[in-house]
């Protein structure tokens, strides 16, 4: 049985506005049909037909918003793309509306209109109502990212234009000026342009075009800022309806599967906070394979004895070891820049060492449950306790690891 994904406030708002859209279009059909009957105007009658097409479009939009949340075994990723199908359908309806207006402008026969002073205010109302609703729906579409609401908002915009053409035609008849056909030709150009934009946007998603460069760069910024990420091998994303699916391949600075899982969860949370409307984040990761393993060892003032303290150690030895042949390939000593800091000394030292690209830390004191341990653990740094007191005795042990 298909199941609905949890409904969020913005989705409830989209359904509510879809119902409003349907009700407004039904009202416009009756209003324009009544005005056409009163005036005998073919232009008003054509506009009533246009609004009848809009009723069908609103029904499709409403169905799209509701069905988009449905999931089943056959559609485990949801039916979000239904909204983009809706966008394409509405774009085609816009083309149809343009065709109707163009046909009326070219082939319509002139008639003597009646009750024009009564009809003009009615046409003005038919312009004002969809204009106000289009602005309201457009703002909601921007907030929710719903392509179907965006499409419907633009469709109401074309309804405003077509009704404006009707208003000019009726007013022209009152003044003896045949302006309706010229105005209709101009409106058709706007209608076709709007429909083309919707069609292109909808087809891009249906064909799984990539997310925009700006969105992917936001995700990449989250990844490279995390100390546990050694390399971003690939990063791709696509839209599905208003939602986004993001997939990446990462190299993490850890061989511990449990730590790697925690890192991936942390990255997913950070991405969702940074990027709106993310439905799913797929993270494929593998451990970092290095030819050289870098160890950090806290030292006292002599530079020979291993310090009993981590954050207050005067200096740190950075020792590079080749795991393939257990050889020491490099060694340097760095002063501790945070030794005299009063607050969060250990955490700052840990962040300093992580920035040096260390893979392991050898200490004499226990760091479990302390701030530095979390910093080092998140960065995939292996922490090893030792009872060895001198660096010269410790180096052979590191070479053999």
Protein backbone atom coordinates (compact mmCIF):
# COMPACT_ATOMS: atom_id res chain seq x y z
CA UNK A 1 0.00 0.00 0.00
CA UNK A 2 1.35 3.46 -0.84
CA UNK A 3 2.14 5.59 2.14
CA UNK A 4 2.32 9.35 2.47
CA UNK A 5 5.51 10.98 3.68
CA UNK A 6 5.04 13.11 6.80
CA UNK A 7 3.28 16.32 5.86
CA UNK A 8 5.14 19.48 6.77
CA UNK A 9 3.56 22.95 7.21
CA UNK A 10 4.71 24.18 3.81
CA UNK A 11 3.02 21.19 2.14
CA UNK A 12 -0.23 21.84 3.99
CA UNK A 13 0.01 25.45 2.79
CA UNK A 14 0.56 24.25 -0.79
CA UNK A 15 -2.57 22.06 -0.63
CA UNK A 16 -4.59 24.92 0.87
CA UNK A 17 -3.48 27.34 -1.85
CA UNK A 18 -4.22 24.72 -4.50
CA UNK A 19 -7.81 24.62 -3.26
CA UNK A 20 -7.96 28.42 -3.28
CA UNK A 21 -6.68 28.39 -6.86
CA UNK A 22 -9.34 25.94 -7.94
CA UNK A 23 -12.11 27.96 -6.27
CA UNK A 24 -10.92 31.23 -7.81
CA UNK A 25 -10.79 29.73 -11.30
CA UNK A 26 -14.33 28.36 -10.95
CA UNK A 27 -15.47 31.82 -9.86
CA UNK A 28 -13.74 33.43 -12.86
CA UNK A 29 -15.41 30.99 -15.25
CA UNK A 30 -18.86 31.93 -13.98
CA UNK A 31 -18.01 35.64 -13.90
CA UNK A 32 -16.66 35.75 -17.45
CA UNK A 33 -19.41 33.53 -18.84
CA UNK A 34 -21.97 35.88 -17.30
CA UNK A 35 -20.21 38.93 -18.75
CA UNK A 36 -20.04 37.27 -22.17
CA UNK A 37 -23.77 36.56 -22.02
CA UNK A 38 -24.51 40.14 -21.00
CA UNK A 39 -22.29 41.79 -23.63
CA UNK A 40 -22.33 39.36 -26.52
CA UNK A 41 -18.54 39.72 -26.71
CA UNK A 42 -16.56 36.93 -28.33
CA UNK A 43 -13.41 38.13 -26.55
CA UNK A 44 -15.05 37.75 -23.15
CA UNK A 45 -16.44 34.36 -24.15
CA UNK A 46 -12.93 33.24 -25.23
CA UNK A 47 -11.55 34.44 -21.91
CA UNK A 48 -14.18 32.36 -20.13
CA UNK A 49 -12.95 29.33 -22.05
CA UNK A 50 -9.41 30.27 -21.01
CA UNK A 51 -10.49 30.24 -17.36
CA UNK A 52 -12.17 26.88 -17.88
CA UNK A 53 -8.79 25.56 -19.01
CA UNK A 54 -7.38 27.06 -15.82
CA UNK A 55 -9.86 25.04 -13.77
CA UNK A 56 -8.43 21.89 -15.28
CA UNK A 57 -4.93 23.20 -14.62
CA UNK A 58 -5.71 23.93 -10.98
CA UNK A 59 -7.08 20.42 -10.53
CA UNK A 60 -3.86 19.00 -11.94
CA UNK A 61 -1.79 21.26 -9.65
CA UNK A 62 -3.76 20.15 -6.61
CA UNK A 63 -3.39 16.50 -7.53
CA UNK A 64 0.33 17.05 -8.09
CA UNK A 65 0.87 18.62 -4.67
CA UNK A 66 -0.98 15.78 -2.90
CA UNK A 67 0.42 12.85 -4.88
CA UNK A 68 3.99 14.18 -4.64
CA UNK A 69 4.17 12.97 -1.01
CA UNK A 70 3.09 9.40 -1.81
CA UNK A 71 5.61 6.59 -1.47
CA UNK A 72 5.35 2.88 -2.16
CA UNK A 73 7.49 -0.14 -2.87
CA UNK A 74 7.42 0.74 -6.56
CA UNK A 75 8.34 4.38 -5.83
CA UNK A 76 10.60 4.31 -2.75
CA UNK A 77 11.94 7.79 -3.53
CA UNK A 78 8.45 9.26 -3.55
CA UNK A 79 6.50 10.81 -6.38
CA UNK A 80 8.03 14.26 -6.10
CA UNK A 81 8.52 14.51 -9.86
CA UNK A 82 4.76 14.49 -10.31
CA UNK A 83 4.98 18.20 -9.53
CA UNK A 84 7.38 18.68 -12.44
CA UNK A 85 5.09 16.70 -14.70
CA UNK A 86 2.37 19.09 -13.55
CA UNK A 87 4.59 22.04 -14.47
CA UNK A 88 5.00 20.66 -17.99
CA UNK A 89 1.25 20.06 -18.29
CA UNK A 90 0.48 23.60 -17.12
CA UNK A 91 3.05 24.95 -19.59
CA UNK A 92 1.18 23.16 -22.37
CA UNK A 93 -2.07 24.64 -21.10
CA UNK A 94 -0.46 28.07 -21.28
CA UNK A 95 0.43 27.38 -24.92
CA UNK A 96 -3.19 26.38 -25.48
CA UNK A 97 -4.36 29.62 -23.89
CA UNK A 98 -2.01 31.56 -26.14
CA UNK A 99 -3.38 29.76 -29.15
CA UNK A 100 -6.94 30.62 -28.12
CA UNK A 101 -6.13 34.30 -27.75
CA UNK A 102 -4.22 34.38 -31.06
CA UNK A 103 -7.05 32.63 -32.87
CA UNK A 104 -9.56 35.08 -31.45
CA UNK A 105 -7.35 38.03 -32.43
CA UNK A 106 -6.89 36.82 -36.01
CA UNK A 107 -10.17 35.09 -36.81
CA UNK A 108 -12.69 36.67 -34.43
CA UNK A 109 -15.51 38.61 -35.97
CA UNK A 110 -16.39 42.08 -34.82
CA UNK A 111 -19.69 42.41 -32.99
CA UNK A 112 -21.67 45.26 -31.57
CA UNK A 113 -21.41 44.93 -27.82
CA UNK A 114 -24.19 45.71 -25.39
CA UNK A 115 -24.25 46.61 -21.68
CA UNK A 116 -20.64 47.82 -21.94
CA UNK A 117 -20.83 50.16 -18.88
CA UNK A 118 -21.85 47.13 -16.78
CA UNK A 119 -19.39 44.71 -18.35
CA UNK A 120 -16.27 46.90 -17.99
CA UNK A 121 -16.26 46.89 -14.15
CA UNK A 122 -16.83 43.13 -14.23
CA UNK A 123 -13.81 42.63 -16.50
CA UNK A 124 -11.78 44.88 -14.20
CA UNK A 125 -12.68 42.58 -11.29
CA UNK A 126 -11.66 39.61 -13.45
CA UNK A 127 -8.25 41.28 -13.82
CA UNK A 128 -7.80 42.29 -10.18
CA UNK A 129 -8.65 38.94 -8.55
CA UNK A 130 -6.13 36.75 -10.43
CA UNK A 131 -3.50 39.49 -10.16
CA UNK A 132 -3.70 39.58 -6.37
CA UNK A 133 -3.81 35.80 -6.13
CA UNK A 134 -0.86 35.41 -8.50
CA UNK A 135 1.26 37.66 -6.26
CA UNK A 136 0.23 35.71 -3.17
CA UNK A 137 0.82 32.32 -4.78
CA UNK A 138 4.15 33.46 -6.22
CA UNK A 139 5.43 34.40 -2.74
CA UNK A 140 4.35 31.02 -1.37
CA UNK A 141 6.01 29.21 -4.28
CA UNK A 142 9.27 31.02 -3.51
CA UNK A 143 9.03 30.02 0.16
CA UNK A 144 8.19 26.35 -0.46
CA UNK A 145 10.10 25.85 -3.71
CA UNK A 146 7.03 24.17 -5.20
CA UNK A 147 7.29 24.09 -9.03
CA UNK A 148 3.56 23.43 -9.42
CA UNK A 149 2.59 26.48 -7.34
CA UNK A 150 5.14 28.50 -9.30
CA UNK A 151 3.57 27.27 -12.52
CA UNK A 152 0.06 28.07 -11.31
CA UNK A 153 1.16 31.55 -10.23
CA UNK A 154 2.49 32.26 -13.69
CA UNK A 155 -0.63 30.83 -15.21
CA UNK A 156 -2.69 33.32 -13.24
CA UNK A 157 -0.36 35.97 -14.62
CA UNK A 158 -1.33 34.99 -18.15
CA UNK A 159 -4.98 35.11 -17.07
CA UNK A 160 -4.43 38.71 -15.98
CA UNK A 161 -2.94 39.54 -19.37
CA UNK A 162 -5.71 37.86 -21.33
CA UNK A 163 -8.36 39.63 -19.22
CA UNK A 164 -6.51 42.91 -19.79
CA UNK A 165 -6.78 42.28 -23.54
CA UNK A 166 -10.50 41.74 -23.07
CA UNK A 167 -10.78 44.96 -21.10
CA UNK A 168 -9.01 46.89 -23.84
CA UNK A 169 -11.25 45.27 -26.46
CA UNK A 170 -14.42 46.17 -24.58
CA UNK A 171 -13.17 49.69 -23.85
CA UNK A 172 -12.13 50.08 -27.48
CA UNK A 173 -15.62 49.17 -28.59
CA UNK A 174 -16.99 51.85 -26.26
CA UNK A 175 -14.59 54.42 -27.76
CA UNK A 176 -14.83 53.17 -31.31
CA UNK A 177 -11.20 51.99 -31.38
CA UNK A 178 -10.39 48.45 -32.64
CA UNK A 179 -7.47 47.73 -30.29
CA UNK A 180 -8.20 44.19 -29.20
CA UNK A 181 -6.34 42.37 -31.97
CA UNK A 182 -3.10 44.36 -31.54
CA UNK A 183 -3.16 43.83 -27.80
CA UNK A 184 -3.92 40.14 -28.20
CA UNK A 185 -0.85 39.67 -30.40
CA UNK A 186 1.39 41.26 -27.76
CA UNK A 187 -0.13 39.10 -25.02
CA UNK A 188 0.47 35.91 -26.99
CA UNK A 189 4.22 36.67 -27.04
CA UNK A 190 4.29 36.96 -23.23
CA UNK A 191 2.19 33.82 -22.82
CA UNK A 192 4.46 31.74 -25.04
CA UNK A 193 7.58 33.03 -23.27
CA UNK A 194 6.15 32.17 -19.85
CA UNK A 195 5.09 28.74 -21.01
CA UNK A 196 8.51 28.07 -22.53
CA UNK A 197 10.28 28.89 -19.25
CA UNK A 198 8.00 26.53 -17.32
CA UNK A 199 8.45 23.79 -19.89
CA UNK A 200 12.24 24.06 -19.77
CA UNK A 201 12.31 24.11 -15.93
CA UNK A 202 10.05 21.07 -15.71
CA UNK A 203 11.94 19.09 -18.34
CA UNK A 204 15.30 19.80 -16.71
CA UNK A 205 14.14 18.08 -13.53
CA UNK A 206 12.44 15.22 -15.36
CA UNK A 207 15.70 14.60 -17.22
CA UNK A 208 17.67 14.70 -13.92
CA UNK A 209 19.66 17.82 -14.70
CA UNK A 210 22.17 18.75 -12.03
CA UNK A 211 21.50 21.04 -9.11
CA UNK A 212 22.72 24.57 -9.65
CA UNK A 213 26.38 25.39 -9.14
CA UNK A 214 25.60 27.63 -6.17
CA UNK A 215 23.77 24.86 -4.30
CA UNK A 216 26.53 22.30 -4.92
CA UNK A 217 29.14 24.79 -3.72
CA UNK A 218 27.19 25.26 -0.48
CA UNK A 219 27.33 21.51 0.08
CA UNK A 220 31.02 21.39 -0.82
CA UNK A 221 31.76 24.15 1.68
CA UNK A 222 30.16 22.04 4.42
CA UNK A 223 32.26 19.02 3.46
CA UNK A 224 35.68 20.69 3.20
CA UNK A 225 35.12 22.51 6.50
CA UNK A 226 34.86 19.20 8.36
CA UNK A 227 38.25 18.01 9.66
CA UNK A 228 37.32 14.36 9.10
CA UNK A 229 36.96 14.82 5.33
CA UNK A 230 40.25 14.25 3.56
CA UNK A 231 38.93 14.43 0.02
CA UNK A 232 35.69 15.06 -1.87
CA UNK A 233 35.93 12.69 -4.82
CA UNK A 234 32.54 13.43 -6.33
CA UNK A 235 29.51 15.54 -5.54
CA UNK A 236 26.30 15.45 -7.57
CA UNK A 237 22.70 16.42 -6.95
CA UNK A 238 19.34 16.68 -8.65
CA UNK A 239 15.92 18.14 -8.08
CA UNK A 240 12.78 16.07 -7.72
CA UNK A 241 9.78 18.33 -7.41
CA UNK A 242 10.63 20.95 -4.81
CA UNK A 243 13.07 18.61 -3.04
CA UNK A 244 16.76 17.92 -3.55
CA UNK A 245 18.69 14.66 -3.64
CA UNK A 246 22.44 14.88 -3.02
CA UNK A 247 25.04 12.14 -3.44
CA UNK A 248 28.77 12.22 -2.74
CA UNK A 249 31.89 10.08 -2.49
CA UNK A 250 34.25 11.03 0.33
CA UNK A 251 37.56 9.94 1.73
CA UNK A 252 37.50 10.11 5.54
CA UNK A 253 40.40 10.33 7.96
CA UNK A 254 39.40 7.22 9.85
CA UNK A 255 39.47 3.44 9.54
CA UNK A 256 36.89 2.98 12.29
CA UNK A 257 33.47 2.20 10.78
CA UNK A 258 31.61 3.50 13.82
CA UNK A 259 33.46 6.81 13.67
CA UNK A 260 32.90 7.02 9.92
CA UNK A 261 29.18 6.52 10.47
CA UNK A 262 29.09 9.31 13.06
CA UNK A 263 30.95 11.59 10.65
CA UNK A 264 28.45 10.88 7.87
CA UNK A 265 25.53 11.64 10.21
CA UNK A 266 27.18 14.90 11.26
CA UNK A 267 27.73 15.89 7.64
CA UNK A 268 24.14 15.12 6.72
CA UNK A 269 22.83 17.30 9.54
CA UNK A 270 25.12 20.15 8.51
CA UNK A 271 24.03 19.89 4.86
CA UNK A 272 20.34 19.96 5.80
CA UNK A 273 20.94 23.05 7.93
CA UNK A 274 22.78 24.80 5.10
CA UNK A 275 20.62 23.76 2.13
CA UNK A 276 16.82 23.96 2.15
CA UNK A 277 14.42 21.19 1.10
CA UNK A 278 16.88 18.30 1.06
CA UNK A 279 15.02 14.98 0.97
CA UNK A 280 17.96 12.59 0.93
CA UNK A 281 21.72 12.72 1.36
CA UNK A 282 23.66 9.69 0.13
CA UNK A 283 27.22 9.55 1.46
CA UNK A 284 29.62 6.91 0.18
CA UNK A 285 32.88 6.91 2.11
CA UNK A 286 36.12 5.04 2.31
CA UNK A 287 39.08 5.34 4.68
CA UNK A 288 42.10 7.43 3.83
CA UNK A 289 45.02 5.36 2.53
CA UNK A 290 48.33 7.11 3.20
CA UNK A 291 51.89 6.19 2.38
CA UNK A 292 53.01 8.13 5.45
CA UNK A 293 51.44 8.13 8.90
CA UNK A 294 52.01 11.25 11.00
CA UNK A 295 52.21 10.95 14.79
CA UNK A 296 52.18 13.79 17.32
CA UNK A 297 53.92 13.44 20.71
CA UNK A 298 53.76 16.10 23.47
CA UNK A 299 57.25 16.92 24.84
CA UNK A 300 58.56 18.81 27.85
CA UNK A 301 61.09 21.67 27.71
CA UNK A 302 64.00 19.31 27.11
CA UNK A 303 62.50 18.06 23.87
CA UNK A 304 63.33 14.50 24.90
CA UNK A 305 60.89 13.49 27.59
CA UNK A 306 57.26 12.78 26.74
CA UNK A 307 55.15 15.35 28.60
CA UNK A 308 52.73 14.14 31.24
CA UNK A 309 50.25 16.79 30.07
CA UNK A 310 48.63 17.33 26.71
CA UNK A 311 47.34 20.92 26.60
CA UNK A 312 50.22 22.34 28.67
CA UNK A 313 53.02 20.56 26.80
CA UNK A 314 55.62 23.15 25.69
CA UNK A 315 56.11 21.52 22.32
CA UNK A 316 55.06 18.65 20.08
CA UNK A 317 57.14 16.31 17.97
CA UNK A 318 55.61 15.42 14.60
CA UNK A 319 56.99 12.12 13.38
CA UNK A 320 56.27 10.63 9.94
CA UNK A 321 56.33 6.84 9.59
CA UNK A 322 56.00 4.74 6.43
CA UNK A 323 53.74 1.77 7.34
CA UNK A 324 54.98 -0.22 4.33
CA UNK A 325 58.55 -0.57 5.59
CA UNK A 326 58.25 0.77 9.18
CA UNK A 327 60.77 3.53 8.53
CA UNK A 328 60.86 7.01 10.04
CA UNK A 329 60.65 9.38 7.09
CA UNK A 330 60.51 12.76 8.80
CA UNK A 331 60.55 14.57 12.10
CA UNK A 332 59.94 18.14 13.26
CA UNK A 333 59.18 19.92 16.52
CA UNK A 334 56.53 22.64 16.85
CA UNK A 335 56.00 24.95 19.80
CA UNK A 336 52.60 24.78 21.49
CA UNK A 337 50.95 28.12 20.58
CA UNK A 338 48.18 27.68 23.17
CA UNK A 339 50.20 26.67 26.20
CA UNK A 340 49.41 29.86 28.12
CA UNK A 341 45.75 30.15 27.06
CA UNK A 342 43.40 30.01 30.06
CA UNK A 343 40.20 28.63 28.48
CA UNK A 344 39.73 25.60 26.22
CA UNK A 345 43.46 25.07 26.03
CA UNK A 346 43.25 21.37 25.24
CA UNK A 347 40.60 21.83 22.55
CA UNK A 348 42.63 24.52 20.80
CA UNK A 349 45.75 22.40 20.90
CA UNK A 350 43.81 19.47 19.45
CA UNK A 351 42.50 21.67 16.62
CA UNK A 352 46.06 22.95 16.02
CA UNK A 353 47.41 19.40 15.68
CA UNK A 354 44.55 18.34 13.42
CA UNK A 355 45.44 21.26 11.16
CA UNK A 356 48.96 19.81 10.91
CA UNK A 357 47.48 16.70 9.32
CA UNK A 358 48.26 14.25 12.13
CA UNK A 359 46.89 10.71 11.97
CA UNK A 360 47.77 9.65 15.49
CA UNK A 361 48.58 11.10 18.91
CA UNK A 362 50.63 9.46 21.67
CA UNK A 363 49.96 10.78 25.19
CA UNK A 364 50.67 9.78 28.76
CA UNK A 365 47.47 11.22 30.26
CA UNK A 366 43.96 9.90 29.59
CA UNK A 367 41.89 12.10 27.28
CA UNK A 368 38.71 10.01 27.30
CA UNK A 369 35.59 12.10 27.87
CA UNK A 370 37.47 15.38 27.50
CA UNK A 371 37.06 18.06 24.85
CA UNK A 372 40.30 17.28 22.97
CA UNK A 373 39.25 13.64 22.60
CA UNK A 374 36.07 14.68 20.77
CA UNK A 375 37.98 17.01 18.46
CA UNK A 376 40.55 14.34 17.67
CA UNK A 377 37.93 11.63 17.32
CA UNK A 378 35.84 13.68 14.89
CA UNK A 379 38.96 14.21 12.79
CA UNK A 380 39.70 10.48 12.76
CA UNK A 381 42.91 10.85 14.79
CA UNK A 382 43.97 7.68 16.63
CA UNK A 383 44.84 8.39 20.26
CA UNK A 384 47.28 5.98 21.97
CA UNK A 385 48.32 6.05 25.61
CA UNK A 386 51.85 5.09 26.55
CA UNK A 387 54.00 4.63 29.65
CA UNK A 388 57.19 5.28 27.71
CA UNK A 389 58.93 8.36 29.07
CA UNK A 390 61.39 9.40 26.35
CA UNK A 391 61.03 10.20 22.66
CA UNK A 392 64.07 8.09 21.74
CA UNK A 393 62.45 5.01 23.29
CA UNK A 394 59.07 5.79 21.72
CA UNK A 395 60.22 6.22 18.12
CA UNK A 396 61.06 2.52 17.54
CA UNK A 397 57.61 1.61 18.89
CA UNK A 398 55.96 4.00 16.42
CA UNK A 399 58.00 2.61 13.55
CA UNK A 400 56.77 -0.91 14.31
CA UNK A 401 53.05 0.01 14.39
